[in-house]
C-alpha atoms as a PDB file:
ATOM      1  CA  MET A   1       0.000   0.000   0.000  1.00  0.00           C
ATOM      2  CA  ILE A   2       2.728   2.468   0.936  1.00  0.00           C
ATOM      3  CA  LYS A   3       4.740   1.447  -2.139  1.00  0.00           C
ATOM      4  CA  LYS A   4       1.724   2.185  -4.373  1.00  0.00           C
ATOM      5  CA  LEU A   5       1.243   5.558  -2.716  1.00  0.00           C
ATOM      6  CA  LEU A   6       4.921   6.477  -3.171  1.00  0.00           C
ATOM      7  CA  ASN A   7       4.759   5.411  -6.804  1.00  0.00           C
ATOM      8  CA  ILE A   8       1.749   7.670  -7.341  1.00  0.00           C
ATOM      9  CA  ILE A   9       3.441  10.599  -5.593  1.00  0.00           C
ATOM     10  CA  PHE A  10       6.679  10.216  -7.561  1.00  0.00           C
ATOM     11  CA  GLY A  11       4.954   9.541 -10.872  1.00  0.00           C
ATOM     12  CA  GLN A  12       5.808   5.877 -11.286  1.00  0.00           C
ATOM     13  CA  ASN A  13       3.365   3.110 -11.890  1.00  0.00           C
ATOM     14  CA  GLU A  14       3.845  -0.526 -11.024  1.00  0.00           C
ATOM     15  CA  GLY A  15       4.915  -1.294 -14.590  1.00  0.00           C
ATOM     16  CA  SER A  16       7.683   1.298 -14.734  1.00  0.00           C
ATOM     17  CA  PHE A  17      11.281   0.234 -14.391  1.00  0.00           C
ATOM     18  CA  GLY A  18      14.373   1.893 -13.068  1.00  0.00           C
ATOM     19  CA  LYS A  19      17.392   1.730 -15.371  1.00  0.00           C
ATOM     20  CA  LEU A  20      18.853  -1.337 -13.644  1.00  0.00           C
ATOM     21  CA  GLU A  21      15.611  -3.299 -13.871  1.00  0.00           C
ATOM     22  CA  TYR A  22      15.166  -2.253 -17.505  1.00  0.00           C
ATOM     23  CA  TRP A  23      18.706  -3.382 -18.323  1.00  0.00           C
ATOM     24  CA  LYS A  24      18.143  -6.730 -16.611  1.00  0.00           C
ATOM     25  CA  LYS A  25      14.793  -7.312 -18.306  1.00  0.00           C
ATOM     26  CA  TYR A  26      16.164  -6.647 -21.753  1.00  0.00           C
ATOM     27  CA  ARG A  27      19.541  -8.339 -21.085  1.00  0.00           C
ATOM     28  CA  PHE A  28      21.559  -5.228 -21.950  1.00  0.00           C
ATOM     29  CA  PHE A  29      24.508  -6.286 -19.785  1.00  0.00           C
ATOM     30  CA  GLU A  30      24.807  -9.436 -21.883  1.00  0.00           C
ATOM     31  CA  LEU A  31      24.265  -7.447 -25.076  1.00  0.00           C
ATOM     32  CA  ILE A  32      27.169  -5.090 -24.301  1.00  0.00           C
ATOM     33  CA  GLY A  33      29.492  -8.082 -23.846  1.00  0.00           C
ATOM     34  CA  GLU A  34      28.352  -9.707 -27.085  1.00  0.00           C
ATOM     35  CA  LEU A  35      28.739  -6.442 -29.022  1.00  0.00           C
ATOM     36  CA  GLU A  36      32.300  -6.181 -27.713  1.00  0.00           C
ATOM     37  CA  LYS A  37      32.980  -9.708 -29.017  1.00  0.00           C
ATOM     38  CA  ALA A  38      31.484  -8.787 -32.392  1.00  0.00           C
ATOM     39  CA  HIS A  39      33.631  -5.661 -32.529  1.00  0.00           C
ATOM     40  CA  ILE A  40      36.818  -7.700 -31.943  1.00  0.00           C
ATOM     41  CA  ILE A  41      35.831 -10.348 -34.503  1.00  0.00           C
ATOM     42  CA  LEU A  42      35.282  -7.658 -37.125  1.00  0.00           C
ATOM     43  CA  LEU A  43      38.592  -5.925 -36.389  1.00  0.00           C
ATOM     44  CA  GLU A  44      40.369  -9.263 -36.876  1.00  0.00           C
ATOM     45  CA  GLN A  45      38.536  -9.841 -40.169  1.00  0.00           C
ATOM     46  CA  LYS A  46      40.709  -8.960 -43.174  1.00  0.00           C
ATOM     47  CA  SER A  47      38.026  -8.444 -45.787  1.00  0.00           C
ATOM     48  CA  GLY A  48      34.320  -8.569 -46.439  1.00  0.00           C
ATOM     49  CA  CYS A  49      31.393  -6.354 -47.319  1.00  0.00           C
ATOM     50  CA  SER A  50      27.660  -6.159 -46.844  1.00  0.00           C
ATOM     51  CA  ASP A  51      24.749  -4.031 -47.989  1.00  0.00           C
ATOM     52  CA  ASN A  52      25.445  -1.372 -45.353  1.00  0.00           C
ATOM     53  CA  PHE A  53      29.213  -1.602 -44.825  1.00  0.00           C
ATOM     54  CA  GLU A  54      32.115  -1.528 -47.248  1.00  0.00           C
ATOM     55  CA  ASN A  55      34.527  -3.331 -44.936  1.00  0.00           C
ATOM     56  CA  PRO A  56      34.773  -4.986 -41.504  1.00  0.00           C
ATOM     57  CA  LYS A  57      36.396  -1.952 -39.870  1.00  0.00           C
ATOM     58  CA  GLU A  58      33.482   0.292 -40.848  1.00  0.00           C
ATOM     59  CA  PHE A  59      31.034  -2.259 -39.397  1.00  0.00           C
ATOM     60  CA  ALA A  60      33.122  -2.559 -36.203  1.00  0.00           C
ATOM     61  CA  LEU A  61      33.055   1.218 -35.728  1.00  0.00           C
ATOM     62  CA  ALA A  62      29.293   1.318 -36.224  1.00  0.00           C
ATOM     63  CA  ILE A  63      28.848  -1.427 -33.627  1.00  0.00           C
ATOM     64  CA  ASP A  64      31.104   0.480 -31.254  1.00  0.00           C
ATOM     65  CA  ASP A  65      29.002   3.631 -31.702  1.00  0.00           C
ATOM     66  CA  GLU A  66      25.780   1.729 -31.049  1.00  0.00           C
ATOM     67  CA  ARG A  67      27.285   0.025 -27.993  1.00  0.00           C
ATOM     68  CA  ASP A  68      28.412   3.387 -26.597  1.00  0.00           C
ATOM     69  CA  SER A  69      24.933   4.827 -27.177  1.00  0.00           C
ATOM     70  CA  ILE A  70      23.421   1.981 -25.182  1.00  0.00           C
ATOM     71  CA  GLU A  71      26.043   1.870 -22.450  1.00  0.00           C
ATOM     72  CA  TYR A  72      26.624   5.590 -21.889  1.00  0.00           C
ATOM     73  CA  GLY A  73      23.593   7.250 -23.394  1.00  0.00           C
ATOM     74  CA  ASN A  74      20.116   7.540 -22.075  1.00  0.00           C
ATOM     75  CA  GLN A  75      18.532   6.344 -25.281  1.00  0.00           C
ATOM     76  CA  ILE A  76      18.040   2.639 -25.835  1.00  0.00           C
ATOM     77  CA  GLU A  77      17.294   2.004 -29.500  1.00  0.00           C
ATOM     78  CA  LEU A  78      18.236  -1.358 -30.928  1.00  0.00           C
ATOM     79  CA  TYR A  79      16.809  -1.111 -34.439  1.00  0.00           C
ATOM     80  CA  ASN A  80      20.223  -0.916 -36.148  1.00  0.00           C
ATOM     81  CA  ILE A  81      21.575  -3.816 -34.117  1.00  0.00           C
ATOM     82  CA  TRP A  82      18.416  -5.800 -34.806  1.00  0.00           C
ATOM     83  CA  LYS A  83      18.786  -5.109 -38.538  1.00  0.00           C
ATOM     84  CA  TRP A  84      22.542  -5.800 -38.751  1.00  0.00           C
ATOM     85  CA  PHE A  85      22.408  -9.119 -36.890  1.00  0.00           C
ATOM     86  CA  ALA A  86      19.165 -10.469 -38.333  1.00  0.00           C
ATOM     87  CA  PRO A  87      19.572 -13.721 -40.282  1.00  0.00           C
ATOM     88  CA  THR A  88      21.005 -13.206 -43.780  1.00  0.00           C
ATOM     89  CA  CYS A  89      21.836  -9.545 -43.110  1.00  0.00           C
ATOM     90  CA  ASP A  90      25.086  -7.619 -42.579  1.00  0.00           C
ATOM     91  CA  TRP A  91      26.786  -9.945 -40.078  1.00  0.00           C
ATOM     92  CA  ASP A  92      26.117 -13.021 -42.217  1.00  0.00           C
ATOM     93  CA  ASP A  93      27.429 -11.236 -45.308  1.00  0.00           C
ATOM     94  CA  MET A  94      30.574 -10.017 -43.555  1.00  0.00           C
ATOM     95  CA  VAL A  95      31.622 -12.816 -41.181  1.00  0.00           C
ATOM     96  CA  SER A  96      32.063 -16.558 -41.560  1.00  0.00           C
ATOM     97  CA  SER A  97      29.567 -18.953 -40.012  1.00  0.00           C
ATOM     98  CA  GLU A  98      32.236 -19.840 -37.414  1.00  0.00           C
ATOM     99  CA  HIS A  99      31.094 -16.810 -35.390  1.00  0.00           C
ATOM    100  CA  GLN A 100      27.362 -17.280 -35.935  1.00  0.00           C
ATOM    101  CA  ASP A 101      26.767 -17.932 -32.223  1.00  0.00           C
ATOM    102  CA  VAL A 102      27.699 -14.327 -31.386  1.00  0.00           C
ATOM    103  CA  ALA A 103      25.277 -12.989 -33.987  1.00  0.00           C
ATOM    104  CA  ASN A 104      22.529 -15.316 -32.798  1.00  0.00           C
ATOM    105  CA  ARG A 105      22.837 -14.140 -29.193  1.00  0.00           C
ATOM    106  CA  ILE A 106      22.880 -10.467 -30.223  1.00  0.00           C
ATOM    107  CA  PHE A 107      19.881 -10.907 -32.495  1.00  0.00           C
ATOM    108  CA  GLU A 108      17.951 -12.811 -29.824  1.00  0.00           C
ATOM    109  CA  ILE A 109      18.333  -9.910 -27.391  1.00  0.00           C
ATOM    110  CA  ALA A 110      17.632  -7.235 -30.012  1.00  0.00           C
ATOM    111  CA  ASN A 111      14.642  -9.149 -31.346  1.00  0.00           C
ATOM    112  CA  TYR A 112      13.123  -9.477 -27.861  1.00  0.00           C
ATOM    113  CA  TRP A 113      13.522  -5.710 -27.381  1.00  0.00           C
ATOM    114  CA  HIS A 114      12.144  -5.037 -30.872  1.00  0.00           C
ATOM    115  CA  LYS A 115       8.995  -7.059 -30.178  1.00  0.00           C
ATOM    116  CA  LYS A 116       8.402  -5.412 -26.779  1.00  0.00           C
ATOM    117  CA  GLU A 117       9.562  -1.822 -27.328  1.00  0.00           C
ATOM    118  CA  GLY A 118      10.197  -1.297 -31.009  1.00  0.00           C
END
């Protein structure tokens, strides 16, 4: 009862999340780690291209920018990540199937967000 009253006073409803709860729900801690792995894989890649990136380094920098926006920014928008790591999209065009597990985990998290928030 008191918790409900405090939520009303401070403008929060029972469904609202603090940043930590939001990050846990949408697995953003895991996502940051997987994006870091993807970044390293792309930097080690010698060649490749996709519809949106001319080379692995360009893709790695874009991932780094998106990761920084999630980690340090206040805006959580995963559309680009969702699009880049979707099956048969940029990651698949650029990287060998040996690293498909990284893409699958990233897409799973981004897809969950996309269905709930996107």
